[in-house]
């Protein structure tokens, strides 16, 4: 999808969700051909001509000012994430340099992950590849296995792996958030071919993703709570915090249980299981090396 189409569909869907009466446009029984606000009503509230707004919504207008885009965002009641997305679509401040998708973390981030040993912590890039984690983090995302395509990817797991619906307590919310994250990143990094390829892959193969992508929702989730049913630890109810790191397009997520809760006990069980599994794997490797020396 090019920016012009993205602009058109995003603004159209944002207009459609606003009741005319709430914006001060009484319908008086008038039959409206479109849901929500009309183009001329948005133009009136934003202080621009209908022709100007029509060109802007079609994506055929170059040089829209920050002031105009700010007025449009106000009229359409865009939140911070949606406003950033709108500005990015028009090539304004906020677009990131077109660096390669990170596939590793710095030593400082590595030390930070290890320091948070008592809670699961992972790092994903803008494509939602899991590129780093502490021991408990890798145990937590154990169901998200790497594939022949590349590293474990949260988006592929959510939309393409049937186990995701039982892993996440509210799969639909997770799917909504995931599509909204990719939508935001696609505007921040419009020339990222690998990100575009992932989106195309999901669009081609999954109706659940296609439907959510066409809704043009954009979100930034910094904290909240989610429940999971882990194949080893069972039910885990965890708070989470997302932090965008200084490295371009990297996000650190930590999952925290309530102190003394069943979920805290479940994470201790998970940590013990992971340590045992890795100890046994290491012992097996040493035995094989001793039996078959090079």
C-alpha atoms as a PDB file:
ATOM      1  CA  UNK A   1       0.000   0.000   0.000  1.00  0.00           C
ATOM      2  CA  UNK A   2       1.435   3.390  -0.978  1.00  0.00           C
ATOM      3  CA  UNK A   3       1.131   6.499   1.180  1.00  0.00           C
ATOM      4  CA  UNK A   4      -1.585   8.000  -0.999  1.00  0.00           C
ATOM      5  CA  UNK A   5      -3.902   5.068  -0.435  1.00  0.00           C
ATOM      6  CA  UNK A   6      -2.975   4.920   3.250  1.00  0.00           C
ATOM      7  CA  UNK A   7      -3.795   8.637   3.659  1.00  0.00           C
ATOM      8  CA  UNK A   8      -7.152   8.240   1.931  1.00  0.00           C
ATOM      9  CA  UNK A   9      -8.231   5.208   3.909  1.00  0.00           C
ATOM     10  CA  UNK A  10      -6.939   6.474   7.253  1.00  0.00           C
ATOM     11  CA  UNK A  11      -8.734   9.824   7.038  1.00  0.00           C
ATOM     12  CA  UNK A  12     -11.898   8.195   5.703  1.00  0.00           C
ATOM     13  CA  UNK A  13     -12.042   5.699   8.563  1.00  0.00           C
ATOM     14  CA  UNK A  14     -11.326   8.431  11.147  1.00  0.00           C
ATOM     15  CA  UNK A  15     -14.177  10.555   9.737  1.00  0.00           C
ATOM     16  CA  UNK A  16     -16.528   7.590   9.827  1.00  0.00           C
ATOM     17  CA  UNK A  17     -16.190   7.015  13.562  1.00  0.00           C
ATOM     18  CA  UNK A  18     -17.330  10.525  14.627  1.00  0.00           C
ATOM     19  CA  UNK A  19     -21.060  11.040  15.120  1.00  0.00           C
ATOM     20  CA  UNK A  20     -22.102  14.304  13.367  1.00  0.00           C
ATOM     21  CA  UNK A  21     -24.154  15.385  16.379  1.00  0.00           C
ATOM     22  CA  UNK A  22     -21.117  15.135  18.645  1.00  0.00           C
ATOM     23  CA  UNK A  23     -19.274  17.562  16.353  1.00  0.00           C
ATOM     24  CA  UNK A  24     -22.137  20.060  16.318  1.00  0.00           C
ATOM     25  CA  UNK A  25     -23.783  19.026  13.050  1.00  0.00           C
ATOM     26  CA  UNK A  26     -27.436  18.169  13.781  1.00  0.00           C
ATOM     27  CA  UNK A  27     -28.748  15.758  11.184  1.00  0.00           C
ATOM     28  CA  UNK A  28     -32.378  16.780  11.559  1.00  0.00           C
ATOM     29  CA  UNK A  29     -33.486  13.483  10.054  1.00  0.00           C
ATOM     30  CA  UNK A  30     -31.306  14.082   6.988  1.00  0.00           C
ATOM     31  CA  UNK A  31     -30.268  10.823   5.350  1.00  0.00           C
ATOM     32  CA  UNK A  32     -26.496  10.742   5.082  1.00  0.00           C
ATOM     33  CA  UNK A  33     -24.773   8.643   2.448  1.00  0.00           C
ATOM     34  CA  UNK A  34     -21.647   8.141   4.531  1.00  0.00           C
ATOM     35  CA  UNK A  35     -21.198   7.318   8.226  1.00  0.00           C
ATOM     36  CA  UNK A  36     -19.675   9.951  10.446  1.00  0.00           C
ATOM     37  CA  UNK A  37     -18.524  13.346   9.220  1.00  0.00           C
ATOM     38  CA  UNK A  38     -18.584  14.487   5.612  1.00  0.00           C
ATOM     39  CA  UNK A  39     -15.510  15.972   3.999  1.00  0.00           C
ATOM     40  CA  UNK A  40     -17.031  19.433   3.960  1.00  0.00           C
ATOM     41  CA  UNK A  41     -17.751  19.224   7.693  1.00  0.00           C
ATOM     42  CA  UNK A  42     -14.153  18.316   8.481  1.00  0.00           C
ATOM     43  CA  UNK A  43     -12.973  21.153   6.231  1.00  0.00           C
ATOM     44  CA  UNK A  44     -15.270  23.644   7.980  1.00  0.00           C
ATOM     45  CA  UNK A  45     -14.089  22.694  11.467  1.00  0.00           C
ATOM     46  CA  UNK A  46     -10.427  22.655  10.379  1.00  0.00           C
ATOM     47  CA  UNK A  47     -10.652  26.089   8.734  1.00  0.00           C
ATOM     48  CA  UNK A  48      -9.719  24.995   5.209  1.00  0.00           C
ATOM     49  CA  UNK A  49     -11.644  24.878   1.945  1.00  0.00           C
ATOM     50  CA  UNK A  50     -13.497  21.746   0.882  1.00  0.00           C
ATOM     51  CA  UNK A  51     -11.325  21.531  -2.231  1.00  0.00           C
ATOM     52  CA  UNK A  52      -8.153  21.733  -0.131  1.00  0.00           C
ATOM     53  CA  UNK A  53      -9.314  19.042   2.273  1.00  0.00           C
ATOM     54  CA  UNK A  54     -10.483  16.796  -0.580  1.00  0.00           C
ATOM     55  CA  UNK A  55      -7.041  16.979  -2.184  1.00  0.00           C
ATOM     56  CA  UNK A  56      -5.410  16.356   1.177  1.00  0.00           C
ATOM     57  CA  UNK A  57      -7.549  13.272   1.845  1.00  0.00           C
ATOM     58  CA  UNK A  58      -6.790  11.938  -1.629  1.00  0.00           C
ATOM     59  CA  UNK A  59      -3.102  12.301  -0.925  1.00  0.00           C
ATOM     60  CA  UNK A  60      -2.603  14.568  -3.937  1.00  0.00           C
ATOM     61  CA  UNK A  61      -1.659  17.651  -1.925  1.00  0.00           C
ATOM     62  CA  UNK A  62       2.028  18.383  -1.396  1.00  0.00           C
ATOM     63  CA  UNK A  63       3.285  20.673   1.310  1.00  0.00           C
ATOM     64  CA  UNK A  64       0.471  20.457   3.865  1.00  0.00           C
ATOM     65  CA  UNK A  65       1.616  22.539   6.814  1.00  0.00           C
ATOM     66  CA  UNK A  66       2.013  21.301  10.373  1.00  0.00           C
ATOM     67  CA  UNK A  67      -0.731  23.728  11.406  1.00  0.00           C
ATOM     68  CA  UNK A  68      -3.219  22.286   8.927  1.00  0.00           C
ATOM     69  CA  UNK A  69      -2.385  18.700   9.846  1.00  0.00           C
ATOM     70  CA  UNK A  70      -2.710  19.641  13.510  1.00  0.00           C
ATOM     71  CA  UNK A  71      -6.167  21.102  12.851  1.00  0.00           C
ATOM     72  CA  UNK A  72      -7.226  17.961  10.979  1.00  0.00           C
ATOM     73  CA  UNK A  73      -5.966  15.821  13.861  1.00  0.00           C
ATOM     74  CA  UNK A  74      -7.955  17.928  16.332  1.00  0.00           C
ATOM     75  CA  UNK A  75     -11.186  17.751  14.322  1.00  0.00           C
ATOM     76  CA  UNK A  76     -10.866  14.003  13.843  1.00  0.00           C
ATOM     77  CA  UNK A  77      -9.975  13.554  17.535  1.00  0.00           C
ATOM     78  CA  UNK A  78      -6.788  11.658  16.820  1.00  0.00           C
ATOM     79  CA  UNK A  79      -4.844  10.454  19.824  1.00  0.00           C
ATOM     80  CA  UNK A  80      -1.074  10.888  20.070  1.00  0.00           C
ATOM     81  CA  UNK A  81      -0.270   7.694  18.148  1.00  0.00           C
ATOM     82  CA  UNK A  82      -2.763   8.499  15.386  1.00  0.00           C
ATOM     83  CA  UNK A  83      -1.527  12.073  15.136  1.00  0.00           C
ATOM     84  CA  UNK A  84       2.067  10.878  14.793  1.00  0.00           C
ATOM     85  CA  UNK A  85       0.915   8.437  12.114  1.00  0.00           C
ATOM     86  CA  UNK A  86      -0.836  11.205  10.156  1.00  0.00           C
ATOM     87  CA  UNK A  87       2.261  13.418  10.225  1.00  0.00           C
ATOM     88  CA  UNK A  88       4.434  10.484   9.163  1.00  0.00           C
ATOM     89  CA  UNK A  89       2.155   9.745   6.209  1.00  0.00           C
ATOM     90  CA  UNK A  90       2.779  13.286   4.976  1.00  0.00           C
ATOM     91  CA  UNK A  91       6.534  12.963   5.481  1.00  0.00           C
ATOM     92  CA  UNK A  92       6.677  15.291   8.448  1.00  0.00           C
ATOM     93  CA  UNK A  93       8.950  15.194  11.488  1.00  0.00           C
ATOM     94  CA  UNK A  94       8.869  11.853  13.234  1.00  0.00           C
ATOM     95  CA  UNK A  95       9.817   9.560  10.372  1.00  0.00           C
ATOM     96  CA  UNK A  96      12.851   7.564  11.322  1.00  0.00           C
ATOM     97  CA  UNK A  97      16.034   7.185   9.336  1.00  0.00           C
ATOM     98  CA  UNK A  98      15.787   4.197   7.049  1.00  0.00           C
ATOM     99  CA  UNK A  99      18.254   2.015   8.927  1.00  0.00           C
ATOM    100  CA  UNK A 100      18.347  -1.753   8.609  1.00  0.00           C
ATOM    101  CA  UNK A 101      16.054  -3.731  10.896  1.00  0.00           C
ATOM    102  CA  UNK A 102      18.111  -4.425  14.044  1.00  0.00           C
ATOM    103  CA  UNK A 103      18.839  -8.102  14.708  1.00  0.00           C
ATOM    104  CA  UNK A 104      20.911  -7.748  17.884  1.00  0.00           C
ATOM    105  CA  UNK A 105      21.200  -5.551  20.971  1.00  0.00           C
ATOM    106  CA  UNK A 106      24.036  -3.537  22.466  1.00  0.00           C
ATOM    107  CA  UNK A 107      26.026  -4.841  25.455  1.00  0.00           C
ATOM    108  CA  UNK A 108      24.239  -2.306  27.698  1.00  0.00           C
ATOM    109  CA  UNK A 109      20.827  -3.678  26.747  1.00  0.00           C
ATOM    110  CA  UNK A 110      22.188  -7.210  27.183  1.00  0.00           C
ATOM    111  CA  UNK A 111      23.280  -6.340  30.744  1.00  0.00           C
ATOM    112  CA  UNK A 112      19.879  -4.747  31.416  1.00  0.00           C
ATOM    113  CA  UNK A 113      18.096  -7.932  30.358  1.00  0.00           C
ATOM    114  CA  UNK A 114      20.316 -10.073  32.569  1.00  0.00           C
ATOM    115  CA  UNK A 115      19.818  -7.711  35.526  1.00  0.00           C
ATOM    116  CA  UNK A 116      16.053  -8.250  35.314  1.00  0.00           C
ATOM    117  CA  UNK A 117      16.493 -11.962  35.991  1.00  0.00           C
ATOM    118  CA  UNK A 118      13.400 -12.375  38.183  1.00  0.00           C
ATOM    119  CA  UNK A 119      10.906 -11.372  35.458  1.00  0.00           C
ATOM    120  CA  UNK A 120      10.559 -12.264  31.754  1.00  0.00           C
ATOM    121  CA  UNK A 121      12.141  -9.608  29.535  1.00  0.00           C
ATOM    122  CA  UNK A 122      12.467  -9.642  25.746  1.00  0.00           C
ATOM    123  CA  UNK A 123      13.473  -7.233  22.983  1.00  0.00           C
ATOM    124  CA  UNK A 124      11.643  -7.099  19.656  1.00  0.00           C
ATOM    125  CA  UNK A 125      12.430  -5.032  16.584  1.00  0.00           C
ATOM    126  CA  UNK A 126       9.932  -3.107  14.487  1.00  0.00           C
ATOM    127  CA  UNK A 127       9.081  -6.289  12.531  1.00  0.00           C
ATOM    128  CA  UNK A 128       8.228  -7.972  15.852  1.00  0.00           C
ATOM    129  CA  UNK A 129      11.183 -10.381  15.594  1.00  0.00           C
ATOM    130  CA  UNK A 130      12.326 -11.465  19.047  1.00  0.00           C
ATOM    131  CA  UNK A 131      16.035 -10.677  18.919  1.00  0.00           C
ATOM    132  CA  UNK A 132      17.038 -10.864  22.599  1.00  0.00           C
ATOM    133  CA  UNK A 133      15.793 -11.932  26.000  1.00  0.00           C
ATOM    134  CA  UNK A 134      16.887 -12.971  29.449  1.00  0.00           C
ATOM    135  CA  UNK A 135      16.639 -16.619  30.510  1.00  0.00           C
ATOM    136  CA  UNK A 136      13.118 -16.250  31.883  1.00  0.00           C
ATOM    137  CA  UNK A 137      12.116 -14.241  28.820  1.00  0.00           C
ATOM    138  CA  UNK A 138      13.128 -17.074  26.473  1.00  0.00           C
ATOM    139  CA  UNK A 139      11.299 -19.543  28.695  1.00  0.00           C
ATOM    140  CA  UNK A 140       8.199 -17.363  28.579  1.00  0.00           C
ATOM    141  CA  UNK A 141       8.168 -17.146  24.766  1.00  0.00           C
ATOM    142  CA  UNK A 142       9.080 -20.827  24.438  1.00  0.00           C
ATOM    143  CA  UNK A 143       6.004 -21.516  22.200  1.00  0.00           C
ATOM    144  CA  UNK A 144       7.227 -18.912  19.675  1.00  0.00           C
ATOM    145  CA  UNK A 145       9.762 -21.025  17.866  1.00  0.00           C
ATOM    146  CA  UNK A 146      12.145 -19.774  15.162  1.00  0.00           C
ATOM    147  CA  UNK A 147      11.243 -20.824  11.632  1.00  0.00           C
ATOM    148  CA  UNK A 148      13.086 -21.397   8.384  1.00  0.00           C
ATOM    149  CA  UNK A 149      12.071 -17.816   7.475  1.00  0.00           C
ATOM    150  CA  UNK A 150      13.959 -16.294  10.381  1.00  0.00           C
ATOM    151  CA  UNK A 151      13.830 -15.660  14.136  1.00  0.00           C
ATOM    152  CA  UNK A 152      10.741 -16.123  16.268  1.00  0.00           C
ATOM    153  CA  UNK A 153       8.262 -13.467  15.184  1.00  0.00           C
ATOM    154  CA  UNK A 154       5.354 -12.353  17.365  1.00  0.00           C
ATOM    155  CA  UNK A 155       3.181 -11.312  14.404  1.00  0.00           C
ATOM    156  CA  UNK A 156       3.539 -14.660  12.638  1.00  0.00           C
ATOM    157  CA  UNK A 157       2.758 -16.470  15.883  1.00  0.00           C
ATOM    158  CA  UNK A 158      -0.344 -14.356  16.578  1.00  0.00           C
ATOM    159  CA  UNK A 159      -1.852 -14.675  13.108  1.00  0.00           C
ATOM    160  CA  UNK A 160      -0.434 -17.911  11.689  1.00  0.00           C
ATOM    161  CA  UNK A 161      -0.014 -20.316  14.614  1.00  0.00           C
ATOM    162  CA  UNK A 162      -3.151 -21.950  16.022  1.00  0.00           C
ATOM    163  CA  UNK A 163      -1.542 -22.210  19.471  1.00  0.00           C
ATOM    164  CA  UNK A 164      -1.676 -18.423  19.847  1.00  0.00           C
ATOM    165  CA  UNK A 165      -5.418 -18.467  20.566  1.00  0.00           C
ATOM    166  CA  UNK A 166      -4.877 -20.578  23.665  1.00  0.00           C
ATOM    167  CA  UNK A 167      -1.599 -18.890  24.674  1.00  0.00           C
ATOM    168  CA  UNK A 168      -3.144 -15.408  24.887  1.00  0.00           C
ATOM    169  CA  UNK A 169      -6.038 -14.870  27.272  1.00  0.00           C
ATOM    170  CA  UNK A 170      -7.550 -12.282  24.927  1.00  0.00           C
ATOM    171  CA  UNK A 171      -6.290 -13.208  21.484  1.00  0.00           C
ATOM    172  CA  UNK A 172      -8.456 -10.637  19.676  1.00  0.00           C
ATOM    173  CA  UNK A 173      -7.013  -7.756  21.694  1.00  0.00           C
ATOM    174  CA  UNK A 174      -3.475  -8.976  21.082  1.00  0.00           C
ATOM    175  CA  UNK A 175      -4.203  -9.297  17.355  1.00  0.00           C
ATOM    176  CA  UNK A 176      -5.649  -5.752  17.291  1.00  0.00           C
ATOM    177  CA  UNK A 177      -2.582  -4.353  19.052  1.00  0.00           C
ATOM    178  CA  UNK A 178      -0.197  -6.245  16.805  1.00  0.00           C
ATOM    179  CA  UNK A 179      -1.741  -5.001  13.561  1.00  0.00           C
ATOM    180  CA  UNK A 180      -1.876  -1.461  14.980  1.00  0.00           C
ATOM    181  CA  UNK A 181       1.832  -1.648  15.876  1.00  0.00           C
ATOM    182  CA  UNK A 182       2.780  -2.750  12.354  1.00  0.00           C
ATOM    183  CA  UNK A 183       0.600   0.029  10.922  1.00  0.00           C
ATOM    184  CA  UNK A 184       2.459   2.616  13.014  1.00  0.00           C
ATOM    185  CA  UNK A 185       5.890   1.264  12.117  1.00  0.00           C
ATOM    186  CA  UNK A 186       5.042   1.119   8.405  1.00  0.00           C
ATOM    187  CA  UNK A 187       4.577   4.897   8.407  1.00  0.00           C
ATOM    188  CA  UNK A 188       7.683   5.523  10.492  1.00  0.00           C
ATOM    189  CA  UNK A 189       9.806   3.371   8.181  1.00  0.00           C
ATOM    190  CA  UNK A 190       8.096   3.588   4.775  1.00  0.00           C
ATOM    191  CA  UNK A 191      11.144   2.364   2.841  1.00  0.00           C
ATOM    192  CA  UNK A 192      11.800  -0.686   5.018  1.00  0.00           C
ATOM    193  CA  UNK A 193      11.489  -3.530   2.509  1.00  0.00           C
ATOM    194  CA  UNK A 194      11.668  -6.294   5.123  1.00  0.00           C
ATOM    195  CA  UNK A 195       8.858  -4.758   7.170  1.00  0.00           C
ATOM    196  CA  UNK A 196       6.758  -4.330   4.011  1.00  0.00           C
ATOM    197  CA  UNK A 197       7.475  -7.951   3.091  1.00  0.00           C
ATOM    198  CA  UNK A 198       6.174  -9.177   6.462  1.00  0.00           C
ATOM    199  CA  UNK A 199       2.997  -7.117   6.076  1.00  0.00           C
ATOM    200  CA  UNK A 200       2.486  -8.433   2.527  1.00  0.00           C
ATOM    201  CA  UNK A 201       3.009 -11.984   3.777  1.00  0.00           C
ATOM    202  CA  UNK A 202       0.338 -11.558   6.456  1.00  0.00           C
ATOM    203  CA  UNK A 203      -2.025  -9.789   4.047  1.00  0.00           C
ATOM    204  CA  UNK A 204      -1.719 -12.647   1.550  1.00  0.00           C
ATOM    205  CA  UNK A 205      -2.180 -15.443   4.016  1.00  0.00           C
ATOM    206  CA  UNK A 206      -4.494 -14.368   6.822  1.00  0.00           C
ATOM    207  CA  UNK A 207      -7.985 -12.875   6.740  1.00  0.00           C
ATOM    208  CA  UNK A 208      -7.814 -11.914  10.433  1.00  0.00           C
ATOM    209  CA  UNK A 209      -4.812  -9.715   9.701  1.00  0.00           C
ATOM    210  CA  UNK A 210      -6.322  -8.313   6.486  1.00  0.00           C
ATOM    211  CA  UNK A 211      -9.459  -7.188   8.323  1.00  0.00           C
ATOM    212  CA  UNK A 212      -7.499  -5.473  11.061  1.00  0.00           C
ATOM    213  CA  UNK A 213      -5.083  -3.849   8.634  1.00  0.00           C
ATOM    214  CA  UNK A 214      -7.974  -2.311   6.698  1.00  0.00           C
ATOM    215  CA  UNK A 215      -9.318  -0.719   9.884  1.00  0.00           C
ATOM    216  CA  UNK A 216      -6.244   1.574   9.888  1.00  0.00           C
ATOM    217  CA  UNK A 217      -5.955   1.606  13.678  1.00  0.00           C
ATOM    218  CA  UNK A 218      -2.704   2.874  15.192  1.00  0.00           C
ATOM    219  CA  UNK A 219      -1.675   2.394  18.808  1.00  0.00           C
ATOM    220  CA  UNK A 220       1.200   2.829  21.216  1.00  0.00           C
ATOM    221  CA  UNK A 221       0.856   0.507  24.227  1.00  0.00           C
ATOM    222  CA  UNK A 222       3.314   1.391  26.941  1.00  0.00           C
ATOM    223  CA  UNK A 223       1.821  -0.593  29.822  1.00  0.00           C
ATOM    224  CA  UNK A 224      -1.118  -2.744  30.775  1.00  0.00           C
ATOM    225  CA  UNK A 225      -2.045  -6.247  31.876  1.00  0.00           C
ATOM    226  CA  UNK A 226      -2.494  -9.507  29.981  1.00  0.00           C
ATOM    227  CA  UNK A 227      -3.186 -13.129  30.801  1.00  0.00           C
ATOM    228  CA  UNK A 228      -1.452 -16.102  29.221  1.00  0.00           C
ATOM    229  CA  UNK A 229      -1.833 -19.861  29.365  1.00  0.00           C
ATOM    230  CA  UNK A 230       1.713 -21.146  29.166  1.00  0.00           C
ATOM    231  CA  UNK A 231       2.286 -24.826  28.266  1.00  0.00           C
ATOM    232  CA  UNK A 232       4.642 -25.226  31.244  1.00  0.00           C
ATOM    233  CA  UNK A 233       3.634 -22.589  33.809  1.00  0.00           C
ATOM    234  CA  UNK A 234      -0.119 -22.644  33.229  1.00  0.00           C
ATOM    235  CA  UNK A 235      -2.204 -19.501  33.760  1.00  0.00           C
ATOM    236  CA  UNK A 236      -0.079 -16.349  34.119  1.00  0.00           C
ATOM    237  CA  UNK A 237      -1.650 -12.970  34.825  1.00  0.00           C
ATOM    238  CA  UNK A 238       1.027 -10.357  34.274  1.00  0.00           C
ATOM    239  CA  UNK A 239       1.432  -6.634  34.026  1.00  0.00           C
ATOM    240  CA  UNK A 240       3.667  -5.457  31.213  1.00  0.00           C
ATOM    241  CA  UNK A 241       5.749  -2.396  30.405  1.00  0.00           C
ATOM    242  CA  UNK A 242       6.975  -1.518  26.892  1.00  0.00           C
ATOM    243  CA  UNK A 243       9.947   0.807  26.519  1.00  0.00           C
ATOM    244  CA  UNK A 244      11.214   2.044  23.164  1.00  0.00           C
ATOM    245  CA  UNK A 245      14.987   1.842  23.285  1.00  0.00           C
ATOM    246  CA  UNK A 246      17.430   4.368  21.877  1.00  0.00           C
ATOM    247  CA  UNK A 247      18.355   1.960  19.102  1.00  0.00           C
ATOM    248  CA  UNK A 248      16.068   2.570  16.089  1.00  0.00           C
ATOM    249  CA  UNK A 249      12.944   0.451  16.208  1.00  0.00           C
ATOM    250  CA  UNK A 250      13.759  -1.656  19.289  1.00  0.00           C
ATOM    251  CA  UNK A 251      11.258  -2.273  22.058  1.00  0.00           C
ATOM    252  CA  UNK A 252      11.954  -3.779  25.480  1.00  0.00           C
ATOM    253  CA  UNK A 253       9.026  -5.556  27.136  1.00  0.00           C
ATOM    254  CA  UNK A 254       9.026  -6.828  30.703  1.00  0.00           C
ATOM    255  CA  UNK A 255       6.259  -8.913  32.304  1.00  0.00           C
ATOM    256  CA  UNK A 256       5.646  -8.557  36.038  1.00  0.00           C
ATOM    257  CA  UNK A 257       3.401 -10.648  38.341  1.00  0.00           C
ATOM    258  CA  UNK A 258       1.695  -9.482  41.507  1.00  0.00           C
ATOM    259  CA  UNK A 259       3.957 -10.277  44.485  1.00  0.00           C
ATOM    260  CA  UNK A 260       2.906 -13.468  46.202  1.00  0.00           C
ATOM    261  CA  UNK A 261       0.470 -14.397  43.433  1.00  0.00           C
ATOM    262  CA  UNK A 262      -0.048 -17.722  41.727  1.00  0.00           C
ATOM    263  CA  UNK A 263       1.529 -16.139  38.630  1.00  0.00           C
ATOM    264  CA  UNK A 264       4.701 -15.324  40.559  1.00  0.00           C
ATOM    265  CA  UNK A 265       4.872 -18.964  41.615  1.00  0.00           C
ATOM    266  CA  UNK A 266       4.274 -19.998  37.996  1.00  0.00           C
ATOM    267  CA  UNK A 267       7.246 -17.917  36.833  1.00  0.00           C
ATOM    268  CA  UNK A 268       9.492 -19.546  39.455  1.00  0.00           C
ATOM    269  CA  UNK A 269       8.351 -22.938  38.185  1.00  0.00           C
ATOM    270  CA  UNK A 270       9.062 -21.826  34.636  1.00  0.00           C
ATOM    271  CA  UNK A 271      12.558 -20.619  35.557  1.00  0.00           C
ATOM    272  CA  UNK A 272      13.320 -23.947  37.237  1.00  0.00           C
ATOM    273  CA  UNK A 273      12.061 -25.914  34.232  1.00  0.00           C
ATOM    274  CA  UNK A 274      14.113 -23.816  31.798  1.00  0.00           C
ATOM    275  CA  UNK A 275      17.284 -24.206  33.853  1.00  0.00           C
ATOM    276  CA  UNK A 276      16.772 -27.987  34.023  1.00  0.00           C
ATOM    277  CA  UNK A 277      16.133 -28.248  30.290  1.00  0.00           C
ATOM    278  CA  UNK A 278      19.284 -26.322  29.437  1.00  0.00           C
ATOM    279  CA  UNK A 279      21.420 -28.243  31.924  1.00  0.00           C
ATOM    280  CA  UNK A 280      20.269 -31.535  30.408  1.00  0.00           C
ATOM    281  CA  UNK A 281      20.901 -30.219  26.895  1.00  0.00           C
ATOM    282  CA  UNK A 282      24.411 -29.105  27.853  1.00  0.00           C
ATOM    283  CA  UNK A 283      25.152 -32.511  29.457  1.00  0.00           C
ATOM    284  CA  UNK A 284      23.970 -34.256  26.278  1.00  0.00           C
ATOM    285  CA  UNK A 285      26.256 -32.110  24.123  1.00  0.00           C
ATOM    286  CA  UNK A 286      29.266 -32.856  26.352  1.00  0.00           C
ATOM    287  CA  UNK A 287      28.534 -36.592  26.236  1.00  0.00           C
ATOM    288  CA  UNK A 288      28.315 -36.539  22.449  1.00  0.00           C
ATOM    289  CA  UNK A 289      31.578 -34.631  22.163  1.00  0.00           C
ATOM    290  CA  UNK A 290      33.312 -37.142  24.430  1.00  0.00           C
ATOM    291  CA  UNK A 291      31.906 -40.106  22.488  1.00  0.00           C
ATOM    292  CA  UNK A 292      32.685 -38.630  19.090  1.00  0.00           C
ATOM    293  CA  UNK A 293      35.834 -36.534  19.464  1.00  0.00           C
ATOM    294  CA  UNK A 294      36.996 -34.657  16.388  1.00  0.00           C
END
